[in-house]
Amino acid sequence: MLDTGAYFDSALRIDLFQKDRQGGLEATDKLETLMQSVMGLFPIVNKDLRFRAISPRLVAGGSDDKGFHYLMIYATIIID
């Protein structure tokens, strides 16, 4: 956490997993749909808990070698 005067900020990481198709093929269409639905939630603002999640960034994932592929989304959280 970085001190930014009266505010604090931190990072949020969301991991998205999608089961592979038969034969270990990545289900890119389903992973893309999942990623778009999560990205569509931004900016996330919670006035009761006084935080904002902004500036989402997609980071390439890969295979977990257990039958799933994944992507990571990082975002900045600003806490009032």
PDB file of N, CA and C in Angstrom:
ATOM      1  N   MET A   1       0.839  -1.185   0.000  1.00  0.00           N
ATOM      2  CA  MET A   1       0.000   0.000   0.000  1.00  0.00           C
ATOM      3  C   MET A   1       0.877   1.238   0.000  1.00  0.00           C
ATOM      4  N   LEU A   2       0.488   2.164  -0.792  1.00  0.00           N
ATOM      5  CA  LEU A   2       1.234   3.415  -0.867  1.00  0.00           C
ATOM      6  C   LEU A   2       0.441   4.509  -0.190  1.00  0.00           C
ATOM      7  N   ASP A   3       1.117   5.341   0.572  1.00  0.00           N
ATOM      8  CA  ASP A   3       0.458   6.468   1.223  1.00  0.00           C
ATOM      9  C   ASP A   3       0.361   7.601   0.201  1.00  0.00           C
ATOM     10  N   THR A   4      -0.861   8.007  -0.116  1.00  0.00           N
ATOM     11  CA  THR A   4      -1.055   9.106  -1.067  1.00  0.00           C
ATOM     12  C   THR A   4      -1.765  10.253  -0.368  1.00  0.00           C
ATOM     13  N   GLY A   5      -1.246  10.662   0.773  1.00  0.00           N
ATOM     14  CA  GLY A   5      -1.861  11.743   1.546  1.00  0.00           C
ATOM     15  C   GLY A   5      -3.022  11.198   2.349  1.00  0.00           C
ATOM     16  N   ALA A   6      -4.223  11.696   2.080  1.00  0.00           N
ATOM     17  CA  ALA A   6      -5.411  11.262   2.817  1.00  0.00           C
ATOM     18  C   ALA A   6      -5.966   9.959   2.265  1.00  0.00           C
ATOM     19  N   TYR A   7      -5.396   9.464   1.185  1.00  0.00           N
ATOM     20  CA  TYR A   7      -5.910   8.266   0.534  1.00  0.00           C
ATOM     21  C   TYR A   7      -4.866   7.163   0.550  1.00  0.00           C
ATOM     22  N   PHE A   8      -5.312   5.955   0.361  1.00  0.00           N
ATOM     23  CA  PHE A   8      -4.419   4.813   0.209  1.00  0.00           C
ATOM     24  C   PHE A   8      -4.796   4.104  -1.074  1.00  0.00           C
ATOM     25  N   ASP A   9      -3.819   3.472  -1.731  1.00  0.00           N
ATOM     26  CA  ASP A   9      -4.162   2.661  -2.880  1.00  0.00           C
ATOM     27  C   ASP A   9      -3.438   1.330  -2.811  1.00  0.00           C
ATOM     28  N   SER A  10      -3.982   0.374  -3.502  1.00  0.00           N
ATOM     29  CA  SER A  10      -3.446  -0.964  -3.522  1.00  0.00           C
ATOM     30  C   SER A  10      -3.856  -1.602  -4.844  1.00  0.00           C
ATOM     31  N   ALA A  11      -3.482  -2.841  -5.038  1.00  0.00           N
ATOM     32  CA  ALA A  11      -3.828  -3.532  -6.278  1.00  0.00           C
ATOM     33  C   ALA A  11      -4.795  -4.667  -6.005  1.00  0.00           C
ATOM     34  N   LEU A  12      -5.627  -4.917  -6.981  1.00  0.00           N
ATOM     35  CA  LEU A  12      -6.598  -6.009  -6.949  1.00  0.00           C
ATOM     36  C   LEU A  12      -6.219  -6.975  -8.055  1.00  0.00           C
ATOM     37  N   ARG A  13      -6.278  -8.263  -7.785  1.00  0.00           N
ATOM     38  CA  ARG A  13      -6.024  -9.269  -8.812  1.00  0.00           C
ATOM     39  C   ARG A  13      -7.207 -10.212  -8.862  1.00  0.00           C
ATOM     40  N   ILE A  14      -7.735 -10.408 -10.058  1.00  0.00           N
ATOM     41  CA  ILE A  14      -8.837 -11.342 -10.282  1.00  0.00           C
ATOM     42  C   ILE A  14      -8.319 -12.414 -11.235  1.00  0.00           C
ATOM     43  N   ASP A  15      -8.392 -13.678 -10.822  1.00  0.00           N
ATOM     44  CA  ASP A  15      -7.987 -14.796 -11.675  1.00  0.00           C
ATOM     45  C   ASP A  15      -9.239 -15.415 -12.284  1.00  0.00           C
ATOM     46  N   LEU A  16      -9.228 -15.598 -13.598  1.00  0.00           N
ATOM     47  CA  LEU A  16     -10.346 -16.193 -14.317  1.00  0.00           C
ATOM     48  C   LEU A  16      -9.915 -17.546 -14.858  1.00  0.00           C
ATOM     49  N   PHE A  17     -10.661 -18.586 -14.536  1.00  0.00           N
ATOM     50  CA  PHE A  17     -10.345 -19.938 -14.994  1.00  0.00           C
ATOM     51  C   PHE A  17     -11.464 -20.464 -15.867  1.00  0.00           C
ATOM     52  N   GLN A  18     -11.088 -21.196 -16.931  1.00  0.00           N
ATOM     53  CA  GLN A  18     -12.056 -21.838 -17.806  1.00  0.00           C
ATOM     54  C   GLN A  18     -11.555 -23.237 -18.117  1.00  0.00           C
ATOM     55  N   LYS A  19     -12.448 -24.215 -17.955  1.00  0.00           N
ATOM     56  CA  LYS A  19     -12.086 -25.607 -18.224  1.00  0.00           C
ATOM     57  C   LYS A  19     -11.744 -25.785 -19.702  1.00  0.00           C
ATOM     58  N   ASP A  20     -10.667 -26.525 -19.956  1.00  0.00           N
ATOM     59  CA  ASP A  20     -10.250 -26.805 -21.328  1.00  0.00           C
ATOM     60  C   ASP A  20     -11.251 -27.717 -22.022  1.00  0.00           C
ATOM     61  N   ARG A  21     -11.226 -27.661 -23.331  1.00  0.00           N
ATOM     62  CA  ARG A  21     -12.029 -28.581 -24.133  1.00  0.00           C
ATOM     63  C   ARG A  21     -11.349 -29.939 -24.146  1.00  0.00           C
ATOM     64  N   GLN A  22     -12.073 -30.911 -24.624  1.00  0.00           N
ATOM     65  CA  GLN A  22     -11.519 -32.257 -24.701  1.00  0.00           C
ATOM     66  C   GLN A  22     -10.235 -32.238 -25.517  1.00  0.00           C
ATOM     67  N   GLY A  23      -9.243 -32.931 -25.063  1.00  0.00           N
ATOM     68  CA  GLY A  23      -7.948 -32.949 -25.725  1.00  0.00           C
ATOM     69  C   GLY A  23      -7.012 -31.859 -25.240  1.00  0.00           C
ATOM     70  N   GLY A  24      -7.429 -31.101 -24.216  1.00  0.00           N
ATOM     71  CA  GLY A  24      -6.575 -30.072 -23.641  1.00  0.00           C
ATOM     72  C   GLY A  24      -6.548 -28.770 -24.411  1.00  0.00           C
ATOM     73  N   LEU A  25      -7.497 -28.588 -25.343  1.00  0.00           N
ATOM     74  CA  LEU A  25      -7.544 -27.336 -26.106  1.00  0.00           C
ATOM     75  C   LEU A  25      -8.165 -26.232 -25.271  1.00  0.00           C
ATOM     76  N   GLU A  26      -7.561 -25.059 -25.342  1.00  0.00           N
ATOM     77  CA  GLU A  26      -8.058 -23.912 -24.591  1.00  0.00           C
ATOM     78  C   GLU A  26      -9.390 -23.438 -25.171  1.00  0.00           C
ATOM     79  N   ALA A  27     -10.371 -23.199 -24.300  1.00  0.00           N
ATOM     80  CA  ALA A  27     -11.682 -22.685 -24.709  1.00  0.00           C
ATOM     81  C   ALA A  27     -11.602 -21.160 -24.761  1.00  0.00           C
ATOM     82  N   THR A  28     -10.920 -20.643 -25.781  1.00  0.00           N
ATOM     83  CA  THR A  28     -10.648 -19.210 -25.849  1.00  0.00           C
ATOM     84  C   THR A  28     -11.923 -18.381 -25.935  1.00  0.00           C
ATOM     85  N   ASP A  29     -12.938 -18.890 -26.634  1.00  0.00           N
ATOM     86  CA  ASP A  29     -14.185 -18.125 -26.754  1.00  0.00           C
ATOM     87  C   ASP A  29     -14.861 -17.952 -25.406  1.00  0.00           C
ATOM     88  N   LYS A  30     -14.887 -19.004 -24.597  1.00  0.00           N
ATOM     89  CA  LYS A  30     -15.517 -18.920 -23.272  1.00  0.00           C
ATOM     90  C   LYS A  30     -14.684 -18.067 -22.318  1.00  0.00           C
ATOM     91  N   LEU A  31     -13.370 -18.183 -22.411  1.00  0.00           N
ATOM     92  CA  LEU A  31     -12.494 -17.372 -21.565  1.00  0.00           C
ATOM     93  C   LEU A  31     -12.618 -15.896 -21.935  1.00  0.00           C
ATOM     94  N   GLU A  32     -12.744 -15.608 -23.229  1.00  0.00           N
ATOM     95  CA  GLU A  32     -12.934 -14.230 -23.693  1.00  0.00           C
ATOM     96  C   GLU A  32     -14.257 -13.656 -23.176  1.00  0.00           C
ATOM     97  N   THR A  33     -15.331 -14.454 -23.232  1.00  0.00           N
ATOM     98  CA  THR A  33     -16.634 -14.008 -22.730  1.00  0.00           C
ATOM     99  C   THR A  33     -16.569 -13.721 -21.238  1.00  0.00           C
ATOM    100  N   LEU A  34     -15.919 -14.591 -20.494  1.00  0.00           N
ATOM    101  CA  LEU A  34     -15.762 -14.404 -19.057  1.00  0.00           C
ATOM    102  C   LEU A  34     -14.969 -13.140 -18.758  1.00  0.00           C
ATOM    103  N   MET A  35     -13.876 -12.936 -19.504  1.00  0.00           N
ATOM    104  CA  MET A  35     -13.044 -11.757 -19.306  1.00  0.00           C
ATOM    105  C   MET A  35     -13.822 -10.476 -19.620  1.00  0.00           C
ATOM    106  N   GLN A  36     -14.568 -10.469 -20.708  1.00  0.00           N
ATOM    107  CA  GLN A  36     -15.346  -9.280 -21.078  1.00  0.00           C
ATOM    108  C   GLN A  36     -16.402  -8.963 -20.023  1.00  0.00           C
ATOM    109  N   SER A  37     -17.036  -9.983 -19.451  1.00  0.00           N
ATOM    110  CA  SER A  37     -18.061  -9.730 -18.427  1.00  0.00           C
ATOM    111  C   SER A  37     -17.452  -9.124 -17.165  1.00  0.00           C
ATOM    112  N   VAL A  38     -16.261  -9.550 -16.791  1.00  0.00           N
ATOM    113  CA  VAL A  38     -15.592  -8.981 -15.611  1.00  0.00           C
ATOM    114  C   VAL A  38     -15.108  -7.565 -15.918  1.00  0.00           C
ATOM    115  N   MET A  39     -14.514  -7.355 -17.089  1.00  0.00           N
ATOM    116  CA  MET A  39     -14.022  -6.017 -17.450  1.00  0.00           C
ATOM    117  C   MET A  39     -15.177  -5.021 -17.523  1.00  0.00           C
ATOM    118  N   GLY A  40     -16.369  -5.487 -17.879  1.00  0.00           N
ATOM    119  CA  GLY A  40     -17.533  -4.622 -17.959  1.00  0.00           C
ATOM    120  C   GLY A  40     -18.016  -4.107 -16.611  1.00  0.00           C
ATOM    121  N   LEU A  41     -17.525  -4.682 -15.530  1.00  0.00           N
ATOM    122  CA  LEU A  41     -17.907  -4.236 -14.183  1.00  0.00           C
ATOM    123  C   LEU A  41     -17.166  -2.975 -13.740  1.00  0.00           C
ATOM    124  N   PHE A  42     -16.081  -2.649 -14.431  1.00  0.00           N
ATOM    125  CA  PHE A  42     -15.252  -1.515 -14.028  1.00  0.00           C
ATOM    126  C   PHE A  42     -15.786  -0.211 -14.576  1.00  0.00           C
ATOM    127  N   PRO A  43     -15.623   0.916 -13.870  1.00  0.00           N
ATOM    128  CA  PRO A  43     -15.040   1.011 -12.534  1.00  0.00           C
ATOM    129  C   PRO A  43     -15.998   0.451 -11.482  1.00  0.00           C
ATOM    130  N   ILE A  44     -15.439  -0.197 -10.487  1.00  0.00           N
ATOM    131  CA  ILE A  44     -16.216  -0.740  -9.373  1.00  0.00           C
ATOM    132  C   ILE A  44     -16.132   0.277  -8.240  1.00  0.00           C
ATOM    133  N   VAL A  45     -17.274   0.762  -7.801  1.00  0.00           N
ATOM    134  CA  VAL A  45     -17.311   1.780  -6.746  1.00  0.00           C
ATOM    135  C   VAL A  45     -18.216   1.284  -5.632  1.00  0.00           C
ATOM    136  N   ASN A  46     -17.708   1.290  -4.407  1.00  0.00           N
ATOM    137  CA  ASN A  46     -18.505   0.931  -3.246  1.00  0.00           C
ATOM    138  C   ASN A  46     -18.444   2.100  -2.276  1.00  0.00           C
ATOM    139  N   LYS A  47     -19.521   2.869  -2.220  1.00  0.00           N
ATOM    140  CA  LYS A  47     -19.541   4.066  -1.374  1.00  0.00           C
ATOM    141  C   LYS A  47     -19.603   3.719   0.108  1.00  0.00           C
ATOM    142  N   ASP A  48     -20.235   2.579   0.460  1.00  0.00           N
ATOM    143  CA  ASP A  48     -20.320   2.182   1.871  1.00  0.00           C
ATOM    144  C   ASP A  48     -18.947   1.805   2.420  1.00  0.00           C
ATOM    145  N   LEU A  49     -18.179   1.039   1.659  1.00  0.00           N
ATOM    146  CA  LEU A  49     -16.853   0.623   2.102  1.00  0.00           C
ATOM    147  C   LEU A  49     -15.770   1.611   1.675  1.00  0.00           C
ATOM    148  N   ARG A  50     -16.166   2.600   0.891  1.00  0.00           N
ATOM    149  CA  ARG A  50     -15.300   3.709   0.488  1.00  0.00           C
ATOM    150  C   ARG A  50     -14.064   3.258  -0.293  1.00  0.00           C
ATOM    151  N   PHE A  51     -14.310   2.487  -1.362  1.00  0.00           N
ATOM    152  CA  PHE A  51     -13.209   2.141  -2.250  1.00  0.00           C
ATOM    153  C   PHE A  51     -13.676   2.176  -3.700  1.00  0.00           C
ATOM    154  N   ARG A  52     -12.693   2.326  -4.587  1.00  0.00           N
ATOM    155  CA  ARG A  52     -12.917   2.289  -6.024  1.00  0.00           C
ATOM    156  C   ARG A  52     -11.873   1.379  -6.647  1.00  0.00           C
ATOM    157  N   ALA A  53     -12.294   0.520  -7.547  1.00  0.00           N
ATOM    158  CA  ALA A  53     -11.374  -0.299  -8.336  1.00  0.00           C
ATOM    159  C   ALA A  53     -11.415   0.246  -9.761  1.00  0.00           C
ATOM    160  N   ILE A  54     -10.271   0.696 -10.238  1.00  0.00           N
ATOM    161  CA  ILE A  54     -10.197   1.361 -11.536  1.00  0.00           C
ATOM    162  C   ILE A  54      -9.036   0.810 -12.364  1.00  0.00           C
ATOM    163  N   SER A  55      -8.982   1.208 -13.606  1.00  0.00           N
ATOM    164  CA  SER A  55      -7.868   0.918 -14.520  1.00  0.00           C
ATOM    165  C   SER A  55      -7.525  -0.575 -14.600  1.00  0.00           C
ATOM    166  N   PRO A  56      -8.485  -1.417 -14.994  1.00  0.00           N
ATOM    167  CA  PRO A  56      -8.170  -2.845 -15.101  1.00  0.00           C
ATOM    168  C   PRO A  56      -7.185  -3.111 -16.236  1.00  0.00           C
ATOM    169  N   ARG A  57      -6.279  -4.051 -16.001  1.00  0.00           N
ATOM    170  CA  ARG A  57      -5.280  -4.446 -16.987  1.00  0.00           C
ATOM    171  C   ARG A  57      -5.285  -5.960 -17.107  1.00  0.00           C
ATOM    172  N   LEU A  58      -5.339  -6.443 -18.316  1.00  0.00           N
ATOM    173  CA  LEU A  58      -5.331  -7.880 -18.573  1.00  0.00           C
ATOM    174  C   LEU A  58      -3.893  -8.369 -18.638  1.00  0.00           C
ATOM    175  N   VAL A  59      -3.618  -9.443 -17.923  1.00  0.00           N
ATOM    176  CA  VAL A  59      -2.295 -10.063 -17.936  1.00  0.00           C
ATOM    177  C   VAL A  59      -2.471 -11.486 -18.444  1.00  0.00           C
ATOM    178  N   ALA A  60      -1.648 -11.865 -19.396  1.00  0.00           N
ATOM    179  CA  ALA A  60      -1.753 -13.203 -19.965  1.00  0.00           C
ATOM    180  C   ALA A  60      -1.556 -14.259 -18.888  1.00  0.00           C
ATOM    181  N   GLY A  61      -2.329 -15.292 -18.974  1.00  0.00           N
ATOM    182  CA  GLY A  61      -2.230 -16.398 -18.030  1.00  0.00           C
ATOM    183  C   GLY A  61      -1.530 -17.569 -18.685  1.00  0.00           C
ATOM    184  N   GLY A  62      -2.212 -18.691 -18.685  1.00  0.00           N
ATOM    185  CA  GLY A  62      -1.649 -19.896 -19.269  1.00  0.00           C
ATOM    186  C   GLY A  62      -2.451 -21.091 -18.817  1.00  0.00           C
ATOM    187  N   SER A  63      -1.804 -22.227 -18.783  1.00  0.00           N
ATOM    188  CA  SER A  63      -2.438 -23.468 -18.355  1.00  0.00           C
ATOM    189  C   SER A  63      -2.006 -23.781 -16.934  1.00  0.00           C
ATOM    190  N   ASP A  64      -2.945 -24.312 -16.154  1.00  0.00           N
ATOM    191  CA  ASP A  64      -2.573 -24.727 -14.798  1.00  0.00           C
ATOM    192  C   ASP A  64      -2.173 -26.199 -14.759  1.00  0.00           C
ATOM    193  N   ASP A  65      -2.121 -26.840 -15.920  1.00  0.00           N
ATOM    194  CA  ASP A  65      -1.763 -28.263 -16.059  1.00  0.00           C
ATOM    195  C   ASP A  65      -2.715 -29.197 -15.317  1.00  0.00           C
ATOM    196  N   LYS A  66      -3.914 -28.706 -15.014  1.00  0.00           N
ATOM    197  CA  LYS A  66      -4.939 -29.518 -14.361  1.00  0.00           C
ATOM    198  C   LYS A  66      -6.246 -29.470 -15.165  1.00  0.00           C
ATOM    199  N   GLY A  67      -6.151 -29.054 -16.437  1.00  0.00           N
ATOM    200  CA  GLY A  67      -7.318 -29.031 -17.295  1.00  0.00           C
ATOM    201  C   GLY A  67      -8.003 -27.686 -17.403  1.00  0.00           C
ATOM    202  N   PHE A  68      -7.325 -26.607 -16.979  1.00  0.00           N
ATOM    203  CA  PHE A  68      -7.893 -25.270 -17.054  1.00  0.00           C
ATOM    204  C   PHE A  68      -6.868 -24.313 -17.640  1.00  0.00           C
ATOM    205  N   HIS A  69      -7.366 -23.283 -18.330  1.00  0.00           N
ATOM    206  CA  HIS A  69      -6.554 -22.138 -18.724  1.00  0.00           C
ATOM    207  C   HIS A  69      -7.053 -20.944 -17.934  1.00  0.00           C
ATOM    208  N   TYR A  70      -6.195 -19.956 -17.765  1.00  0.00           N
ATOM    209  CA  TYR A  70      -6.573 -18.817 -16.938  1.00  0.00           C
ATOM    210  C   TYR A  70      -6.023 -17.511 -17.490  1.00  0.00           C
ATOM    211  N   LEU A  71      -6.659 -16.435 -17.076  1.00  0.00           N
ATOM    212  CA  LEU A  71      -6.208 -15.069 -17.325  1.00  0.00           C
ATOM    213  C   LEU A  71      -6.198 -14.347 -15.988  1.00  0.00           C
ATOM    214  N   MET A  72      -5.435 -13.278 -15.904  1.00  0.00           N
ATOM    215  CA  MET A  72      -5.406 -12.463 -14.692  1.00  0.00           C
ATOM    216  C   MET A  72      -5.770 -11.030 -15.053  1.00  0.00           C
ATOM    217  N   ILE A  73      -6.562 -10.403 -14.206  1.00  0.00           N
ATOM    218  CA  ILE A  73      -6.896  -9.001 -14.358  1.00  0.00           C
ATOM    219  C   ILE A  73      -6.381  -8.276 -13.121  1.00  0.00           C
ATOM    220  N   TYR A  74      -5.568  -7.267 -13.341  1.00  0.00           N
ATOM    221  CA  TYR A  74      -5.090  -6.422 -12.248  1.00  0.00           C
ATOM    222  C   TYR A  74      -5.794  -5.084 -12.346  1.00  0.00           C
ATOM    223  N   ALA A  75      -6.109  -4.494 -11.216  1.00  0.00           N
ATOM    224  CA  ALA A  75      -6.726  -3.169 -11.182  1.00  0.00           C
ATOM    225  C   ALA A  75      -6.179  -2.406  -9.985  1.00  0.00           C
ATOM    226  N   THR A  76      -6.270  -1.101 -10.055  1.00  0.00           N
ATOM    227  CA  THR A  76      -5.881  -0.246  -8.944  1.00  0.00           C
ATOM    228  C   THR A  76      -7.088  -0.067  -8.031  1.00  0.00           C
ATOM    229  N   ILE A  77      -6.880  -0.220  -6.732  1.00  0.00           N
ATOM    230  CA  ILE A  77      -7.930   0.053  -5.755  1.00  0.00           C
ATOM    231  C   ILE A  77      -7.537   1.326  -5.014  1.00  0.00           C
ATOM    232  N   ILE A  78      -8.462   2.253  -4.940  1.00  0.00           N
ATOM    233  CA  ILE A  78      -8.242   3.477  -4.172  1.00  0.00           C
ATOM    234  C   ILE A  78      -9.200   3.445  -2.997  1.00  0.00           C
ATOM    235  N   ILE A  79      -8.652   3.539  -1.792  1.00  0.00           N
ATOM    236  CA  ILE A  79      -9.426   3.511  -0.562  1.00  0.00           C
ATOM    237  C   ILE A  79      -9.456   4.909   0.015  1.00  0.00           C
ATOM    238  N   ASP A  80     -10.663   5.452   0.206  1.00  0.00           N
ATOM    239  CA  ASP A  80     -10.799   6.808   0.766  1.00  0.00           C
ATOM    240  C   ASP A  80     -10.512   6.816   2.252  1.00  0.00           C
TER     241      ASP A  80
END
